Protein backbone atom coordinates (compact mmCIF):
# COMPACT_ATOMS: atom_id res chain seq x y z
CA MET A 1 -16.64 215.86 243.41
CA THR A 2 -17.17 212.35 244.77
CA GLN A 3 -13.91 210.55 245.42
CA LYS A 4 -13.48 207.28 243.50
CA LYS A 5 -13.94 204.27 245.72
CA ILE A 6 -10.80 202.16 246.04
CA THR A 7 -11.45 198.55 245.04
CA ILE A 8 -9.62 195.29 245.61
CA THR A 9 -8.56 195.46 241.95
CA ASP A 10 -6.86 198.80 242.59
CA VAL A 11 -4.94 197.25 245.48
CA ALA A 12 -3.85 194.30 243.33
CA LEU A 13 -2.61 196.54 240.52
CA GLN A 14 -0.72 198.84 242.89
CA ALA A 15 0.88 195.93 244.77
CA GLY A 16 1.72 194.05 241.58
CA VAL A 17 -0.19 190.90 242.57
CA SER A 18 -3.42 189.19 241.53
CA VAL A 19 -6.86 189.92 242.97
CA THR A 20 -6.83 186.39 244.35
CA THR A 21 -3.61 187.10 246.27
CA VAL A 22 -5.13 190.21 247.85
CA SER A 23 -8.20 188.18 248.79
CA LEU A 24 -6.01 185.51 250.40
CA VAL A 25 -4.11 188.11 252.40
CA LEU A 26 -7.36 189.69 253.62
CA SER A 27 -8.83 186.32 254.58
CA GLY A 28 -5.63 185.05 256.20
CA LYS A 29 -5.83 181.90 254.09
CA GLY A 30 -3.49 180.35 251.57
CA ARG A 31 0.25 180.07 251.20
CA ILE A 32 1.29 183.68 250.85
CA SER A 33 4.86 184.71 251.66
CA PRO A 34 5.34 187.21 254.51
CA ALA A 35 6.97 189.67 252.09
CA THR A 36 4.00 189.58 249.71
CA ALA A 37 1.51 189.91 252.57
CA GLU A 38 3.42 192.89 253.92
CA ARG A 39 3.43 194.56 250.48
CA VAL A 40 -0.32 194.06 250.14
CA HIS A 41 -1.03 195.45 253.62
CA GLN A 42 1.20 198.44 252.91
CA THR A 43 -0.65 199.12 249.66
CA ILE A 44 -3.99 198.87 251.47
CA ASP A 45 -2.83 201.50 253.94
CA GLU A 46 -1.45 203.78 251.21
CA LEU A 47 -4.61 203.66 249.11
CA GLY A 48 -7.01 203.75 252.05
CA TYR A 49 -8.81 200.62 250.89
CA VAL A 50 -11.69 199.57 253.16
CA PRO A 51 -12.69 195.91 252.70
CA ASN A 52 -16.40 195.41 252.19
CA ARG A 53 -17.86 193.79 255.30
CA GLN A 54 -20.23 191.67 253.24
CA ALA A 55 -17.33 190.46 251.10
CA ALA A 56 -15.40 189.67 254.26
CA THR A 57 -18.32 187.52 255.41
CA LEU A 58 -18.31 185.76 252.03
CA ARG A 59 -14.63 185.01 252.39
CA GLY A 60 -15.39 183.34 255.69
CA GLY A 61 -16.75 180.34 253.77
CA SER A 62 -20.42 180.63 254.76
CA SER A 63 -21.56 182.99 252.05
CA GLY A 64 -24.28 180.79 250.59
CA VAL A 65 -23.04 181.85 247.15
CA ILE A 66 -21.95 179.41 244.43
CA GLY A 67 -20.02 180.59 241.39
CA LEU A 68 -20.76 179.45 237.84
CA ILE A 69 -18.67 180.14 234.72
CA VAL A 70 -20.12 179.45 231.27
CA ASN A 71 -18.82 180.41 227.84
CA ASP A 72 -22.10 181.75 226.51
CA ILE A 73 -25.36 181.78 228.45
CA CYS A 74 -27.29 182.06 225.17
CA ASP A 75 -26.32 178.48 224.32
CA PRO A 76 -29.59 176.55 224.91
CA PHE A 77 -27.84 173.67 226.68
CA TYR A 78 -26.08 175.91 229.20
CA ALA A 79 -29.20 177.99 229.77
CA GLU A 80 -31.11 174.82 230.70
CA MET A 81 -28.20 173.49 232.77
CA THR A 82 -28.02 176.79 234.67
CA ALA A 83 -31.71 176.47 235.50
CA GLY A 84 -31.05 173.00 236.92
CA LEU A 85 -28.15 174.26 239.00
CA SER A 86 -30.19 177.17 240.32
CA GLU A 87 -33.11 174.91 241.31
CA ALA A 88 -30.86 172.55 243.24
CA PHE A 89 -28.85 175.26 244.99
CA GLU A 90 -31.86 177.39 245.91
CA ALA A 91 -33.49 174.34 247.48
CA GLN A 92 -30.52 174.30 249.89
CA GLY A 93 -30.60 178.05 250.54
CA LYS A 94 -27.73 178.82 248.16
CA ILE A 95 -27.55 181.53 245.50
CA LEU A 96 -25.98 181.01 242.08
CA PHE A 97 -23.60 183.76 240.90
CA LEU A 98 -23.29 183.57 237.11
CA THR A 99 -20.31 184.80 235.09
CA GLN A 100 -19.66 184.50 231.35
CA SER A 101 -16.17 183.91 229.99
CA GLY A 102 -16.98 184.39 226.28
CA ARG A 103 -17.31 181.78 223.56
CA ASP A 104 -13.57 181.21 223.31
CA GLY A 105 -13.18 181.07 227.09
CA LYS A 106 -10.61 183.89 227.14
CA GLY A 107 -12.28 185.47 230.17
CA MET A 108 -12.10 182.28 232.25
CA GLN A 109 -9.22 183.38 234.47
CA ARG A 110 -10.79 186.81 235.04
CA CYS A 111 -14.14 185.27 235.97
CA PHE A 112 -12.51 182.75 238.28
CA ASP A 113 -10.45 185.39 240.10
CA SER A 114 -13.53 187.55 240.55
CA LEU A 115 -15.52 184.68 242.04
CA LEU A 116 -12.73 183.77 244.46
CA ALA A 117 -12.39 187.40 245.47
CA GLN A 118 -16.08 187.40 246.36
CA GLY A 119 -15.63 184.37 248.59
CA VAL A 120 -17.90 181.88 246.86
CA GLU A 121 -18.25 178.50 248.58
CA GLY A 122 -17.67 176.53 245.39
CA VAL A 123 -17.44 176.93 241.62
CA VAL A 124 -19.05 175.10 238.70
CA LEU A 125 -16.94 175.24 235.53
CA ALA A 126 -18.95 174.85 232.33
CA GLY A 127 -16.71 176.02 229.52
CA GLY A 128 -13.29 177.20 228.43
CA ALA A 129 -11.41 174.01 227.60
CA ASP A 130 -8.21 175.86 226.77
CA SER A 131 -8.35 178.25 229.72
CA LEU A 132 -8.39 176.03 232.80
CA LEU A 133 -4.65 176.04 233.57
CA GLY A 134 -3.98 176.82 237.20
CA LEU A 135 -7.62 177.01 238.32
CA LYS A 136 -7.46 173.86 240.45
CA GLU A 137 -4.35 175.15 242.25
CA LYS A 138 -5.99 178.52 242.93
CA ALA A 139 -9.12 176.84 244.27
CA ASP A 140 -7.09 174.52 246.50
CA GLU A 141 -5.29 177.51 248.04
CA GLN A 142 -8.62 178.80 249.36
CA GLY A 143 -10.21 175.42 250.00
CA ILE A 144 -12.86 176.03 247.35
CA PRO A 145 -14.27 172.85 245.73
CA LEU A 146 -14.80 172.68 241.96
CA VAL A 147 -17.05 170.68 239.67
CA CYS A 148 -16.81 170.51 235.87
CA ALA A 149 -20.23 170.30 234.25
CA ALA A 150 -21.04 169.33 230.64
CA ARG A 151 -17.43 169.41 229.49
CA SER A 152 -15.79 166.73 227.40
CA ILE A 153 -12.46 167.08 229.24
CA GLY A 154 -12.33 167.96 232.92
CA LEU A 155 -9.56 168.85 235.34
CA GLU A 156 -7.49 166.17 237.02
CA GLY A 157 -8.87 165.52 240.48
CA VAL A 158 -12.11 167.42 239.79
CA ASP A 159 -15.55 165.80 239.47
CA LEU A 160 -17.00 165.82 235.96
CA ILE A 161 -20.71 165.59 235.14
CA SER A 162 -21.41 165.33 231.43
CA PRO A 163 -23.93 164.04 228.90
CA ASP A 164 -22.87 161.11 226.72
CA ASN A 165 -22.27 163.02 223.50
CA MET A 166 -21.00 160.06 221.49
CA LEU A 167 -23.96 157.86 222.46
CA ALA A 168 -26.36 160.70 221.63
CA ALA A 169 -24.90 160.98 218.13
CA LYS A 170 -25.04 157.21 217.65
CA MET A 171 -28.71 157.24 218.66
CA ALA A 172 -29.53 160.08 216.25
CA THR A 173 -27.65 158.53 213.33
CA GLU A 174 -29.00 155.02 213.82
CA TYR A 175 -32.53 156.36 214.17
CA LEU A 176 -32.20 157.96 210.71
CA VAL A 177 -30.49 154.95 209.12
CA LYS A 178 -33.23 152.60 210.35
CA ARG A 179 -35.81 154.88 208.76
CA GLY A 180 -34.18 154.43 205.39
CA HIS A 181 -31.78 157.38 205.18
CA ARG A 182 -28.42 156.89 203.47
CA GLN A 183 -27.44 160.48 202.65
CA ILE A 184 -27.04 162.10 206.07
CA ALA A 185 -25.29 165.42 206.79
CA TYR A 186 -24.03 166.87 210.08
CA LEU A 187 -24.59 170.60 210.58
CA GLY A 188 -23.30 173.08 213.18
CA GLY A 189 -20.68 173.56 215.85
CA ASN A 190 -17.10 174.77 215.65
CA SER A 191 -14.09 172.60 214.83
CA SER A 192 -12.54 173.47 218.22
CA SER A 193 -15.55 172.07 220.10
CA LEU A 194 -14.82 168.88 222.05
CA THR A 195 -18.55 168.16 222.22
CA ARG A 196 -18.76 168.33 218.42
CA ALA A 197 -15.75 166.03 218.08
CA GLU A 198 -17.42 163.43 220.31
CA ARG A 199 -20.68 163.65 218.38
CA LEU A 200 -18.92 163.33 215.05
CA GLY A 201 -17.20 160.24 216.44
CA GLY A 202 -20.58 158.67 217.18
CA PHE A 203 -21.92 159.78 213.78
CA CYS A 204 -19.00 158.17 211.94
CA ALA A 205 -19.19 154.99 214.02
CA ILE A 206 -22.78 154.31 212.92
CA LEU A 207 -22.04 155.14 209.28
CA LEU A 208 -19.19 152.61 209.41
CA GLN A 209 -21.37 150.02 211.16
CA TYR A 210 -23.96 150.19 208.37
CA GLY A 211 -21.44 150.42 205.54
CA LEU A 212 -22.29 154.01 204.65
CA PRO A 213 -19.61 156.42 203.39
CA PHE A 214 -18.44 159.42 205.41
CA ARG A 215 -18.35 162.57 203.30
CA SER A 216 -16.43 165.51 204.74
CA ASP A 217 -18.29 167.95 202.47
CA TRP A 218 -21.50 166.89 204.23
CA VAL A 219 -20.12 167.94 207.63
CA ILE A 220 -20.69 171.69 207.87
CA GLU A 221 -19.16 173.94 210.53
CA CYS A 222 -21.21 177.00 211.46
CA ASP A 223 -22.36 179.15 214.37
CA TYR A 224 -25.61 178.31 216.15
CA GLN A 225 -27.27 181.66 215.30
CA GLN A 226 -30.40 180.67 213.45
CA ARG A 227 -29.98 183.08 210.52
CA VAL A 228 -26.44 181.76 209.91
CA VAL A 229 -27.68 178.17 210.17
CA ALA A 230 -30.56 178.80 207.76
CA ASP A 231 -28.12 180.21 205.17
CA ALA A 232 -25.75 177.25 205.64
CA THR A 233 -28.62 174.76 205.27
CA GLU A 234 -29.93 176.38 202.10
CA THR A 235 -26.43 176.39 200.59
CA LEU A 236 -25.81 172.76 201.57
CA LEU A 237 -29.04 171.51 199.99
CA SER A 238 -28.52 173.52 196.80
CA HIS A 239 -25.06 171.96 196.34
CA GLN A 240 -26.00 168.48 197.64
CA PRO A 241 -29.66 167.86 196.70
CA ASN A 242 -29.38 164.12 197.44
CA ILE A 243 -29.16 164.76 201.18
CA SER A 244 -32.29 163.39 202.82
CA ALA A 245 -31.50 163.97 206.51
CA ILE A 246 -29.52 166.44 208.64
CA ILE A 247 -28.21 165.89 212.16
CA CYS A 248 -28.06 169.29 213.90
CA HIS A 249 -25.47 170.17 216.55
CA ASN A 250 -28.06 171.50 219.00
CA ALA A 251 -31.71 172.55 219.21
CA SER A 252 -30.98 176.09 218.08
CA VAL A 253 -29.18 174.76 214.99
CA ALA A 254 -32.16 172.47 214.31
CA ILE A 255 -34.55 175.43 214.36
CA GLY A 256 -32.29 177.39 212.00
CA ALA A 257 -32.02 174.35 209.71
CA TYR A 258 -35.82 174.10 209.69
CA PHE A 259 -36.10 177.51 208.06
CA GLY A 260 -33.19 176.78 205.73
CA VAL A 261 -34.91 173.65 204.44
CA LEU A 262 -38.11 175.58 203.76
CA ARG A 263 -36.17 178.32 201.98
CA SER A 264 -34.60 175.67 199.75
CA GLY A 265 -38.06 174.71 198.52
CA ARG A 266 -38.22 171.41 200.37
CA THR A 267 -40.30 170.28 203.33
CA ILE A 268 -39.46 168.74 206.71
CA GLY A 269 -40.35 165.20 207.66
CA SER A 270 -39.41 161.61 207.01
CA LYS A 271 -40.99 159.06 204.71
CA GLY A 272 -38.10 156.61 204.79
CA VAL A 273 -36.46 155.63 201.51
CA ASP A 274 -38.90 157.74 199.50
CA THR A 275 -37.83 160.94 201.25
CA PHE A 276 -35.92 162.41 198.31
CA LEU A 277 -38.72 161.65 195.87
CA GLU A 278 -41.07 163.45 198.23
CA GLN A 279 -38.59 166.37 198.47
CA GLN A 280 -38.51 165.98 202.24
CA VAL A 281 -35.55 166.44 204.58
CA ALA A 282 -35.52 164.81 208.01
CA LEU A 283 -34.11 166.88 210.88
CA ILE A 284 -32.86 165.66 214.25
CA GLY A 285 -30.84 167.60 216.81
CA PHE A 286 -29.45 167.48 220.34
CA GLY A 287 -30.79 169.10 223.49
CA ASP A 288 -34.19 170.77 223.53
CA ALA A 289 -35.67 174.24 223.28
CA PRO A 290 -39.18 175.69 223.70
CA GLY A 291 -39.32 176.56 220.00
CA ALA A 292 -38.68 172.95 219.00
CA GLU A 293 -42.32 172.04 219.65
CA LEU A 294 -43.68 175.06 217.77
CA THR A 295 -42.37 174.16 214.31
CA GLU A 296 -44.59 172.17 211.93
CA PRO A 297 -43.76 169.37 212.22
CA PRO A 298 -42.20 169.60 215.71
CA LEU A 299 -38.50 168.78 215.90
CA THR A 300 -37.23 165.34 216.86
CA LEU A 301 -34.33 165.68 219.32
CA ILE A 302 -31.94 163.63 221.41
CA SER A 303 -32.16 165.16 224.88
CA SER A 304 -28.79 165.78 226.52
CA SER A 305 -30.43 166.02 229.95
CA ALA A 306 -29.12 169.55 230.52
CA ARG A 307 -31.26 170.20 233.57
CA GLU A 308 -30.30 166.82 235.01
CA VAL A 309 -26.62 167.69 234.46
CA GLY A 310 -27.25 170.83 236.52
CA HIS A 311 -28.99 168.91 239.30
CA SER A 312 -26.24 166.30 239.45
CA ALA A 313 -23.42 168.86 239.41
CA ALA A 314 -25.09 170.84 242.19
CA GLY A 315 -25.54 167.75 244.33
CA ARG A 316 -21.91 166.76 243.94
CA LEU A 317 -20.63 170.25 244.77
CA LEU A 318 -22.90 170.55 247.82
CA GLN A 319 -21.45 167.30 249.17
CA ARG A 320 -17.92 168.64 248.81
CA ILE A 321 -18.84 171.98 250.38
CA GLY A 322 -20.31 170.02 253.30
CA GLY A 323 -16.97 168.29 253.83
CA VAL A 324 -18.03 164.84 252.62
CA SER A 325 -14.94 162.81 251.75
CA LEU A 326 -15.34 161.70 248.13
CA GLN A 327 -13.15 160.19 245.46
CA GLN A 328 -12.99 162.11 242.18
CA GLN A 329 -15.80 160.86 239.96
CA THR A 330 -16.90 161.18 236.33
CA ILE A 331 -20.67 160.94 235.93
CA ILE A 332 -21.95 160.40 232.38
CA LEU A 333 -25.70 160.86 231.91
CA THR A 334 -27.56 158.79 229.31
CA PRO A 335 -29.43 160.74 226.60
CA ARG A 336 -33.00 159.96 225.52
CA LEU A 337 -34.92 160.29 222.29
CA ILE A 338 -37.70 162.89 222.03
CA GLU A 339 -39.55 161.57 218.98
CA ARG A 340 -41.64 164.14 217.14
CA GLY A 341 -42.47 164.68 213.49
CA SER A 342 -39.31 166.08 211.84
CA ALA A 343 -37.50 162.75 211.41
């Protein structure tokens, strides 16, 4: 029988320390007490652990590998942002190492420890608002720079690159209002989402500016899976037939809403104040997706510049990896309207 290979995780469990601590001991970096270092070395000897030479090279700080943590790679925004990161890093000879922490971010600490153990040169954090405690301190111990990308709330002392979610929602809402819509719903996203909270803030601000009422029963929370969205849209329109326009939380939600509108017996488009009489519903969403141009009519969207967020985050992290002395900075990217036929 083949003997099970001893891993760094086995050493950490046996020594009663974290994987990061073992990595710090092996690399000779960080503020590790002599007693802890001795215990780790003793455990290594007892278990017969042989450090991977490639991993040892990575820990030396010239690995060429950049870590990325996202909640859910299926989210269209983060998929596009990841592409932007990869383009920018590959142009500089770097490789992007992707990990996924789960939609609720519960795996954030595990992903972060794994990336540090592999000796990445830097880490891009793109999710897990409630799971960031202690990450900056861990990164500082190994001299690993961090960048927060596309998050509404970053870490103190860490660069943040984000789209302007509130402005995007203001643009979407005002676009609809100026085309004659007065009964506008907001569909999608979870109540715990900071991005959704910012967008709802922009949505409400424009309603208030134009003297339109905010109706909580027209703000629908739901997952971005298109079947779920289609069901939610059909239910909303059956209960609230006066709704003439829907703002969708992202491009995926907009596509799901498209099918929900059709299932409700109505059509997609915008003819201003006569929309209800024409049984039309205007749709506008955030972000972009390949399928958005394939619907009939194609979907109008407010682009959140996901790929540009990736490019900007990569550039900032590469500067820090290169030792450039920089003050912490928050970079907010301006959204733009992609006008098509759905609104």
